[in-house]
N, C-alpha and C. Protein backbone atom coordinates (compact mmCIF):
# COMPACT_ATOMS: atom_id res chain seq x y z
N MET A 1 139.63 140.91 104.19
CA MET A 1 140.12 140.81 105.55
C MET A 1 138.96 140.64 106.51
N GLY A 2 137.83 141.33 106.23
CA GLY A 2 136.66 141.18 107.09
C GLY A 2 136.18 139.75 107.12
N MET A 3 136.23 139.07 105.99
CA MET A 3 135.78 137.70 105.92
C MET A 3 136.72 136.79 106.71
N PHE A 4 138.00 137.06 106.64
CA PHE A 4 138.99 136.27 107.37
C PHE A 4 138.77 136.38 108.87
N SER A 5 138.60 137.62 109.37
CA SER A 5 138.40 137.78 110.81
C SER A 5 137.04 137.22 111.21
N GLY A 6 136.05 137.32 110.31
CA GLY A 6 134.75 136.72 110.61
C GLY A 6 134.85 135.21 110.70
N GLY A 7 135.69 134.65 109.83
CA GLY A 7 135.91 133.21 109.87
C GLY A 7 136.54 132.79 111.18
N ILE A 8 137.46 133.60 111.66
CA ILE A 8 138.09 133.32 112.96
C ILE A 8 137.06 133.42 114.06
N LEU A 9 136.20 134.45 113.97
CA LEU A 9 135.16 134.62 114.98
C LEU A 9 134.22 133.42 114.98
N ILE A 10 133.84 132.96 113.79
CA ILE A 10 132.95 131.80 113.70
C ILE A 10 133.65 130.57 114.26
N MET A 11 134.92 130.38 113.89
CA MET A 11 135.67 129.24 114.39
C MET A 11 135.83 129.31 115.90
N THR A 12 136.15 130.49 116.42
CA THR A 12 136.31 130.67 117.86
C THR A 12 134.99 130.39 118.57
N SER A 13 133.90 130.88 118.02
CA SER A 13 132.58 130.65 118.62
C SER A 13 132.25 129.16 118.62
N ALA A 14 132.58 128.49 117.53
CA ALA A 14 132.31 127.05 117.44
C ALA A 14 133.13 126.30 118.49
N VAL A 15 134.39 126.69 118.67
CA VAL A 15 135.23 126.04 119.68
C VAL A 15 134.68 126.28 121.07
N VAL A 16 134.28 127.51 121.38
CA VAL A 16 133.71 127.84 122.69
C VAL A 16 132.44 127.04 122.93
N LEU A 17 131.56 127.00 121.94
CA LEU A 17 130.32 126.23 122.09
C LEU A 17 130.62 124.74 122.28
N SER A 18 131.59 124.25 121.53
CA SER A 18 131.98 122.85 121.65
C SER A 18 132.52 122.57 123.05
N GLN A 19 133.34 123.49 123.58
CA GLN A 19 133.90 123.32 124.93
C GLN A 19 132.80 123.36 125.97
N ARG A 20 131.82 124.26 125.80
CA ARG A 20 130.70 124.34 126.76
C ARG A 20 129.90 123.04 126.73
N TYR A 21 129.63 122.53 125.52
CA TYR A 21 128.89 121.28 125.40
C TYR A 21 129.68 120.16 126.05
N SER A 22 130.98 120.10 125.75
CA SER A 22 131.84 119.07 126.31
C SER A 22 131.86 119.15 127.84
N TYR A 23 131.94 120.36 128.38
CA TYR A 23 131.94 120.55 129.83
C TYR A 23 130.62 120.07 130.43
N ARG A 24 129.49 120.48 129.80
CA ARG A 24 128.17 120.06 130.31
C ARG A 24 128.02 118.54 130.24
N ARG A 25 128.49 117.96 129.15
CA ARG A 25 128.40 116.52 128.98
C ARG A 25 129.26 115.82 130.03
N GLN A 26 130.47 116.30 130.24
CA GLN A 26 131.36 115.72 131.25
C GLN A 26 130.75 115.84 132.64
N LYS A 27 130.17 117.02 132.93
CA LYS A 27 129.54 117.23 134.23
C LYS A 27 128.37 116.27 134.42
N ALA A 28 127.58 116.08 133.36
CA ALA A 28 126.45 115.15 133.43
C ALA A 28 126.93 113.72 133.65
N LEU A 29 128.02 113.33 133.00
CA LEU A 29 128.58 111.99 133.19
C LEU A 29 129.08 111.79 134.62
N VAL A 30 129.74 112.80 135.16
CA VAL A 30 130.23 112.73 136.54
C VAL A 30 129.06 112.61 137.50
N GLU A 31 128.02 113.39 137.29
CA GLU A 31 126.83 113.32 138.15
C GLU A 31 126.17 111.96 138.05
N ALA A 32 126.07 111.41 136.84
CA ALA A 32 125.46 110.08 136.65
C ALA A 32 126.30 109.01 137.35
N GLU A 33 127.62 109.13 137.25
CA GLU A 33 128.52 108.18 137.92
C GLU A 33 128.35 108.27 139.44
N LYS A 34 128.24 109.48 139.95
CA LYS A 34 128.06 109.68 141.39
C LYS A 34 126.73 109.07 141.85
N GLU A 35 125.68 109.25 141.06
CA GLU A 35 124.38 108.67 141.39
C GLU A 35 124.45 107.15 141.42
N GLU A 36 125.17 106.58 140.45
CA GLU A 36 125.33 105.12 140.41
C GLU A 36 126.07 104.63 141.65
N GLU A 37 127.14 105.33 142.04
CA GLU A 37 127.87 104.96 143.26
C GLU A 37 126.97 105.07 144.48
N ASN A 38 126.16 106.13 144.54
CA ASN A 38 125.25 106.30 145.66
C ASN A 38 124.25 105.15 145.74
N ARG A 39 123.77 104.70 144.56
CA ARG A 39 122.86 103.55 144.54
C ARG A 39 123.55 102.32 145.10
N GLU A 40 124.83 102.13 144.75
CA GLU A 40 125.59 100.99 145.27
C GLU A 40 125.66 101.05 146.80
N PHE A 41 125.94 102.23 147.34
CA PHE A 41 126.03 102.37 148.79
C PHE A 41 124.67 102.17 149.44
N LYS A 42 123.59 102.60 148.78
CA LYS A 42 122.25 102.37 149.32
C LYS A 42 121.94 100.88 149.35
N VAL A 43 122.38 100.14 148.32
CA VAL A 43 122.17 98.70 148.28
C VAL A 43 122.90 98.03 149.45
N LEU A 44 124.11 98.51 149.74
CA LEU A 44 124.84 97.96 150.88
C LEU A 44 124.05 98.16 152.17
N GLY A 45 123.36 99.27 152.24
CA GLY A 45 122.48 99.54 153.37
C GLY A 45 123.21 99.87 154.65
N THR A 46 122.43 100.02 155.69
CA THR A 46 122.96 100.32 157.01
C THR A 46 123.37 99.02 157.68
N LEU A 47 124.56 99.02 158.24
CA LEU A 47 125.02 97.85 158.98
C LEU A 47 124.36 97.87 160.36
N VAL A 48 123.72 96.78 160.68
CA VAL A 48 122.99 96.69 161.95
C VAL A 48 123.71 95.71 162.87
N TRP A 49 124.10 96.20 164.04
CA TRP A 49 124.76 95.35 165.02
C TRP A 49 123.72 94.49 165.71
N ARG A 50 124.01 93.22 165.85
CA ARG A 50 123.12 92.30 166.56
C ARG A 50 123.90 91.70 167.74
N SER A 51 123.20 91.44 168.80
CA SER A 51 123.86 90.88 169.98
C SER A 51 124.49 89.52 169.67
N SER A 52 123.98 88.83 168.65
CA SER A 52 124.56 87.53 168.28
C SER A 52 125.99 87.67 167.73
N PHE A 53 126.39 88.90 167.37
CA PHE A 53 127.75 89.15 166.90
C PHE A 53 128.75 89.25 168.05
N ASN A 54 128.25 89.39 169.27
CA ASN A 54 129.13 89.54 170.43
C ASN A 54 129.98 88.29 170.64
N CYS A 55 131.24 88.51 170.98
CA CYS A 55 132.14 87.39 171.26
C CYS A 55 132.28 87.17 172.77
N GLY A 56 131.83 88.14 173.55
CA GLY A 56 131.94 88.02 174.99
C GLY A 56 133.05 88.87 175.58
N ASN A 57 133.92 89.35 174.75
CA ASN A 57 134.97 90.25 175.22
C ASN A 57 134.46 91.68 175.02
N LYS A 58 134.31 92.39 176.13
CA LYS A 58 133.70 93.72 176.07
C LYS A 58 134.45 94.68 175.13
N LEU A 59 135.78 94.65 175.16
CA LEU A 59 136.56 95.54 174.32
C LEU A 59 136.33 95.23 172.84
N ILE A 60 136.43 93.96 172.47
CA ILE A 60 136.26 93.56 171.06
C ILE A 60 134.83 93.86 170.60
N ASP A 61 133.84 93.54 171.44
CA ASP A 61 132.45 93.82 171.08
C ASP A 61 132.21 95.31 170.90
N ARG A 62 132.77 96.11 171.79
CA ARG A 62 132.61 97.56 171.69
C ARG A 62 133.28 98.09 170.41
N GLN A 63 134.45 97.54 170.10
CA GLN A 63 135.15 97.97 168.88
C GLN A 63 134.36 97.59 167.63
N HIS A 64 133.82 96.36 167.61
CA HIS A 64 133.02 95.95 166.46
C HIS A 64 131.82 96.89 166.28
N GLN A 65 131.14 97.18 167.37
CA GLN A 65 129.99 98.10 167.30
C GLN A 65 130.42 99.48 166.80
N SER A 66 131.55 99.94 167.28
CA SER A 66 132.07 101.25 166.87
C SER A 66 132.41 101.27 165.38
N LEU A 67 132.99 100.18 164.87
CA LEU A 67 133.31 100.10 163.45
C LEU A 67 132.03 100.11 162.60
N PHE A 68 131.00 99.43 163.06
CA PHE A 68 129.71 99.47 162.37
C PHE A 68 129.19 100.91 162.33
N HIS A 69 129.23 101.57 163.48
CA HIS A 69 128.73 102.94 163.57
C HIS A 69 129.50 103.88 162.64
N ALA A 70 130.82 103.78 162.65
CA ALA A 70 131.65 104.65 161.80
C ALA A 70 131.39 104.37 160.32
N ALA A 71 131.26 103.10 159.96
CA ALA A 71 130.98 102.75 158.56
C ALA A 71 129.63 103.31 158.13
N ASN A 72 128.65 103.23 159.00
CA ASN A 72 127.33 103.79 158.68
C ASN A 72 127.39 105.30 158.52
N LYS A 73 128.17 105.95 159.35
CA LYS A 73 128.31 107.41 159.28
C LYS A 73 128.93 107.83 157.95
N ILE A 74 129.95 107.12 157.51
CA ILE A 74 130.58 107.43 156.23
C ILE A 74 129.63 107.13 155.08
N THR A 75 128.93 106.00 155.15
CA THR A 75 127.97 105.65 154.09
C THR A 75 126.90 106.72 153.96
N GLU A 76 126.36 107.16 155.09
CA GLU A 76 125.34 108.22 155.06
C GLU A 76 125.89 109.49 154.45
N ALA A 77 127.14 109.82 154.78
CA ALA A 77 127.75 111.03 154.23
C ALA A 77 127.90 110.92 152.71
N ILE A 78 128.23 109.75 152.23
CA ILE A 78 128.38 109.55 150.79
C ILE A 78 127.01 109.66 150.10
N ILE A 79 126.04 108.96 150.63
CA ILE A 79 124.71 108.94 150.01
C ILE A 79 124.07 110.32 150.03
N ASP A 80 124.13 110.98 151.18
CA ASP A 80 123.45 112.27 151.33
C ASP A 80 124.33 113.44 150.95
N ASP A 81 125.59 113.14 150.63
CA ASP A 81 126.56 114.19 150.30
C ASP A 81 126.57 115.26 151.38
N LYS A 82 126.57 114.78 152.63
CA LYS A 82 126.52 115.69 153.78
C LYS A 82 127.79 116.51 153.89
N LYS A 83 127.62 117.75 154.25
CA LYS A 83 128.76 118.63 154.47
C LYS A 83 129.06 118.74 155.96
N GLU A 84 128.15 118.18 156.79
CA GLU A 84 128.30 118.35 158.24
C GLU A 84 129.47 117.57 158.82
N ILE A 85 129.86 116.47 158.19
CA ILE A 85 130.98 115.72 158.73
C ILE A 85 132.20 115.95 157.86
N ASP A 86 133.34 115.87 158.47
CA ASP A 86 134.59 115.96 157.73
C ASP A 86 134.89 114.55 157.24
N TYR A 87 134.58 114.30 156.00
CA TYR A 87 134.68 112.98 155.39
C TYR A 87 136.08 112.39 155.57
N ASP A 88 137.11 113.15 155.22
CA ASP A 88 138.48 112.64 155.30
C ASP A 88 138.88 112.31 156.74
N THR A 89 138.52 113.19 157.68
CA THR A 89 138.84 112.94 159.08
C THR A 89 138.12 111.69 159.58
N THR A 90 136.87 111.54 159.21
CA THR A 90 136.09 110.36 159.63
C THR A 90 136.69 109.09 159.04
N LEU A 91 137.09 109.15 157.77
CA LEU A 91 137.71 107.99 157.12
C LEU A 91 139.04 107.64 157.78
N LEU A 92 139.87 108.65 158.07
CA LEU A 92 141.15 108.40 158.73
C LEU A 92 140.94 107.81 160.12
N LYS A 93 139.93 108.30 160.83
CA LYS A 93 139.62 107.75 162.16
C LYS A 93 139.21 106.28 162.04
N LEU A 94 138.38 105.98 161.04
CA LEU A 94 137.96 104.60 160.83
C LEU A 94 139.17 103.70 160.54
N LEU A 95 140.09 104.17 159.72
CA LEU A 95 141.29 103.38 159.42
C LEU A 95 142.11 103.12 160.68
N GLY A 96 142.27 104.16 161.50
CA GLY A 96 142.99 103.99 162.77
C GLY A 96 142.28 103.03 163.70
N ASP A 97 140.95 103.13 163.75
CA ASP A 97 140.16 102.23 164.60
C ASP A 97 140.30 100.77 164.14
N ILE A 98 140.34 100.57 162.83
CA ILE A 98 140.51 99.21 162.29
C ILE A 98 141.87 98.65 162.71
N GLN A 99 142.92 99.44 162.57
CA GLN A 99 144.26 98.98 162.97
C GLN A 99 144.30 98.63 164.46
N ARG A 100 143.75 99.51 165.27
CA ARG A 100 143.74 99.29 166.72
C ARG A 100 142.92 98.04 167.05
N HIS A 101 141.78 97.89 166.39
CA HIS A 101 140.93 96.72 166.64
C HIS A 101 141.67 95.42 166.27
N PHE A 102 142.31 95.41 165.11
CA PHE A 102 143.04 94.21 164.71
C PHE A 102 144.10 93.84 165.74
N ARG A 103 144.83 94.84 166.22
CA ARG A 103 145.88 94.60 167.22
C ARG A 103 145.26 94.02 168.50
N ASP A 104 144.18 94.62 168.98
CA ASP A 104 143.53 94.15 170.21
C ASP A 104 142.93 92.76 170.03
N GLU A 105 142.35 92.52 168.87
CA GLU A 105 141.74 91.22 168.61
C GLU A 105 142.82 90.13 168.56
N GLU A 106 143.96 90.45 167.97
CA GLU A 106 145.05 89.47 167.90
C GLU A 106 145.55 89.12 169.30
N LYS A 107 145.67 90.10 170.18
CA LYS A 107 146.07 89.82 171.57
C LYS A 107 145.06 88.90 172.23
N PHE A 108 143.79 89.20 172.03
CA PHE A 108 142.71 88.40 172.61
C PHE A 108 142.77 86.97 172.09
N LEU A 109 142.93 86.82 170.77
CA LEU A 109 142.97 85.47 170.18
C LEU A 109 144.20 84.69 170.65
N ASN A 110 145.33 85.35 170.78
CA ASN A 110 146.54 84.68 171.28
C ASN A 110 146.30 84.10 172.67
N ALA A 111 145.54 84.81 173.48
CA ALA A 111 145.27 84.35 174.84
C ALA A 111 144.16 83.30 174.90
N MET A 112 143.12 83.45 174.07
CA MET A 112 141.94 82.61 174.21
C MET A 112 141.86 81.43 173.23
N VAL A 113 142.28 81.63 172.02
CA VAL A 113 142.27 80.55 171.02
C VAL A 113 143.56 80.61 170.20
N PRO A 114 144.69 80.28 170.85
CA PRO A 114 145.99 80.46 170.21
C PRO A 114 146.18 79.62 168.94
N GLU A 115 145.42 78.53 168.80
CA GLU A 115 145.60 77.69 167.62
C GLU A 115 145.14 78.37 166.32
N ILE A 116 144.25 79.34 166.41
CA ILE A 116 143.81 80.03 165.19
C ILE A 116 144.38 81.45 165.08
N ALA A 117 145.06 81.91 166.12
CA ALA A 117 145.57 83.29 166.13
C ALA A 117 146.51 83.60 164.97
N PRO A 118 147.47 82.74 164.63
CA PRO A 118 148.39 83.09 163.53
C PRO A 118 147.67 83.27 162.18
N LEU A 119 146.72 82.39 161.89
CA LEU A 119 145.99 82.50 160.63
C LEU A 119 145.15 83.78 160.59
N HIS A 120 144.51 84.09 161.71
CA HIS A 120 143.69 85.29 161.78
C HIS A 120 144.56 86.55 161.67
N LYS A 121 145.72 86.51 162.31
CA LYS A 121 146.65 87.64 162.22
C LYS A 121 147.10 87.83 160.77
N ASP A 122 147.33 86.75 160.06
CA ASP A 122 147.72 86.85 158.65
C ASP A 122 146.59 87.48 157.82
N THR A 123 145.36 87.13 158.13
CA THR A 123 144.21 87.73 157.44
C THR A 123 144.19 89.23 157.70
N HIS A 124 144.41 89.65 158.93
CA HIS A 124 144.47 91.07 159.28
C HIS A 124 145.58 91.77 158.49
N ARG A 125 146.75 91.12 158.45
CA ARG A 125 147.89 91.70 157.73
C ARG A 125 147.55 91.92 156.26
N LYS A 126 146.88 90.96 155.64
CA LYS A 126 146.49 91.09 154.23
C LYS A 126 145.48 92.22 154.03
N LEU A 127 144.52 92.32 154.93
CA LEU A 127 143.52 93.40 154.83
C LEU A 127 144.19 94.76 154.98
N LEU A 128 145.10 94.88 155.96
CA LEU A 128 145.80 96.16 156.16
C LEU A 128 146.67 96.50 154.95
N SER A 129 147.26 95.49 154.35
CA SER A 129 148.07 95.72 153.15
C SER A 129 147.20 96.23 152.01
N GLN A 130 146.01 95.67 151.87
CA GLN A 130 145.09 96.13 150.83
C GLN A 130 144.62 97.56 151.11
N ILE A 131 144.40 97.86 152.38
CA ILE A 131 143.99 99.23 152.75
C ILE A 131 145.10 100.21 152.38
N MET A 132 146.35 99.86 152.73
CA MET A 132 147.48 100.75 152.41
C MET A 132 147.65 100.90 150.90
N SER A 133 147.38 99.83 150.17
CA SER A 133 147.45 99.91 148.71
C SER A 133 146.41 100.91 148.19
N PHE A 134 145.19 100.86 148.75
CA PHE A 134 144.16 101.83 148.38
C PHE A 134 144.62 103.25 148.69
N VAL A 135 145.15 103.44 149.89
CA VAL A 135 145.60 104.78 150.29
C VAL A 135 146.66 105.31 149.32
N ASN A 136 147.61 104.46 148.96
CA ASN A 136 148.65 104.87 148.01
C ASN A 136 148.06 105.16 146.63
N ARG A 137 147.12 104.34 146.20
CA ARG A 137 146.49 104.57 144.89
C ARG A 137 145.65 105.85 144.90
N ILE A 138 145.05 106.16 146.04
CA ILE A 138 144.30 107.41 146.15
C ILE A 138 145.25 108.59 146.03
N ARG A 139 146.40 108.51 146.69
CA ARG A 139 147.41 109.58 146.60
C ARG A 139 147.87 109.79 145.16
N GLU A 140 147.97 108.69 144.41
CA GLU A 140 148.41 108.76 143.01
C GLU A 140 147.24 109.04 142.06
N GLU A 141 146.05 109.22 142.64
CA GLU A 141 144.82 109.47 141.88
C GLU A 141 144.47 108.32 140.95
N GLU A 142 144.78 107.11 141.39
CA GLU A 142 144.44 105.90 140.64
C GLU A 142 143.23 105.20 141.24
N ALA A 143 142.77 105.68 142.39
CA ALA A 143 141.59 105.15 143.07
C ALA A 143 140.94 106.30 143.81
N THR A 144 139.70 106.08 144.24
CA THR A 144 138.99 107.12 144.98
C THR A 144 138.74 106.66 146.41
N SER A 145 138.49 107.61 147.27
CA SER A 145 138.19 107.26 148.65
C SER A 145 136.87 106.48 148.73
N ARG A 146 135.98 106.70 147.78
CA ARG A 146 134.73 105.92 147.75
C ARG A 146 135.04 104.44 147.51
N GLU A 147 136.03 104.15 146.67
CA GLU A 147 136.41 102.76 146.44
C GLU A 147 136.99 102.15 147.72
N LEU A 148 137.76 102.93 148.44
CA LEU A 148 138.30 102.46 149.72
C LEU A 148 137.16 102.19 150.70
N VAL A 149 136.20 103.09 150.77
CA VAL A 149 135.07 102.91 151.69
C VAL A 149 134.30 101.64 151.30
N ARG A 150 134.08 101.43 150.01
CA ARG A 150 133.39 100.22 149.55
C ARG A 150 134.16 98.98 150.02
N PHE A 151 135.49 99.00 149.88
CA PHE A 151 136.32 97.89 150.33
C PHE A 151 136.17 97.68 151.84
N LEU A 152 136.22 98.78 152.60
CA LEU A 152 136.10 98.68 154.06
C LEU A 152 134.75 98.09 154.46
N LEU A 153 133.69 98.55 153.81
CA LEU A 153 132.35 98.07 154.14
C LEU A 153 132.18 96.60 153.80
N VAL A 154 132.58 96.23 152.59
CA VAL A 154 132.33 94.87 152.11
C VAL A 154 133.37 93.89 152.65
N ASP A 155 134.65 94.17 152.42
CA ASP A 155 135.68 93.19 152.76
C ASP A 155 136.05 93.18 154.24
N VAL A 156 136.20 94.36 154.82
CA VAL A 156 136.66 94.40 156.21
C VAL A 156 135.50 94.17 157.17
N ILE A 157 134.42 94.89 157.00
CA ILE A 157 133.34 94.80 157.99
C ILE A 157 132.39 93.65 157.68
N ALA A 158 131.79 93.65 156.49
CA ALA A 158 130.81 92.60 156.19
C ALA A 158 131.45 91.22 156.12
N ASN A 159 132.48 91.07 155.31
CA ASN A 159 133.07 89.74 155.13
C ASN A 159 133.97 89.32 156.29
N HIS A 160 134.80 90.23 156.78
CA HIS A 160 135.73 89.82 157.83
C HIS A 160 135.04 89.74 159.20
N ILE A 161 134.49 90.84 159.64
CA ILE A 161 133.90 90.85 160.99
C ILE A 161 132.68 89.94 161.07
N MET A 162 131.83 90.02 160.05
CA MET A 162 130.57 89.27 160.14
C MET A 162 130.70 87.82 159.68
N LYS A 163 131.83 87.44 159.08
CA LYS A 163 132.01 86.05 158.68
C LYS A 163 133.22 85.42 159.37
N GLU A 164 134.41 85.98 159.11
CA GLU A 164 135.63 85.40 159.67
C GLU A 164 135.65 85.45 161.19
N ASP A 165 135.28 86.60 161.75
CA ASP A 165 135.30 86.71 163.21
C ASP A 165 134.26 85.79 163.85
N LEU A 166 133.15 85.58 163.17
CA LEU A 166 132.13 84.69 163.74
C LEU A 166 132.63 83.25 163.83
N LYS A 167 133.56 82.88 162.95
CA LYS A 167 134.13 81.52 163.00
C LYS A 167 134.88 81.30 164.31
N TRP A 168 135.78 82.24 164.66
CA TRP A 168 136.52 82.04 165.90
C TRP A 168 135.61 82.24 167.11
N GLN A 169 134.60 83.06 166.97
CA GLN A 169 133.66 83.26 168.08
C GLN A 169 132.90 81.96 168.37
N GLU A 170 132.51 81.25 167.33
CA GLU A 170 131.83 79.95 167.52
C GLU A 170 132.77 78.96 168.20
N LYS A 171 134.02 78.96 167.76
CA LYS A 171 135.01 78.05 168.36
C LYS A 171 135.20 78.39 169.84
N LEU A 172 135.24 79.67 170.15
CA LEU A 172 135.43 80.14 171.51
C LEU A 172 134.22 79.72 172.39
N LYS A 173 133.02 79.90 171.86
CA LYS A 173 131.80 79.57 172.62
C LYS A 173 131.65 78.07 172.82
N SER A 174 132.07 77.27 171.82
CA SER A 174 131.89 75.82 171.92
C SER A 174 133.02 75.13 172.67
N GLY A 175 134.18 75.77 172.72
CA GLY A 175 135.35 75.12 173.33
C GLY A 175 135.68 75.69 174.60
């Protein structure tokens, strides 16, 4: 009987050691993944507003600058793992600011360059749909808020504001 209980003790010890190793390994993998994501955000870098991005409408220009600032604040929080900002609150504010900006920009385009307003509004609608899809996937734990932030930085701010918006701004300045 002593051998039987000793066998259980050895087996139990082996399971505990295996679980500790597995936990440490999992923790190391999570940390490595987080470091890799941080490197990605560092590569994206700080978004720098330039006066050449101005469209001439004070509200739209101010909103664009504000979106750059908010995106930089979230990026810094991710990279530095800052506890000083409320990450979720800042992200929700950024999402609200994006919606408000799209609405204001669409009004401006309808008044100033109505021939491109419908297409630009459709682009906004698609971006907002993708954002909502991310939010729903985050709720279902199928995506992370970091993935949403990456989408906001790359697709909404870098590609949309710095590329798509510059197209209508050029048309506005030349016409």
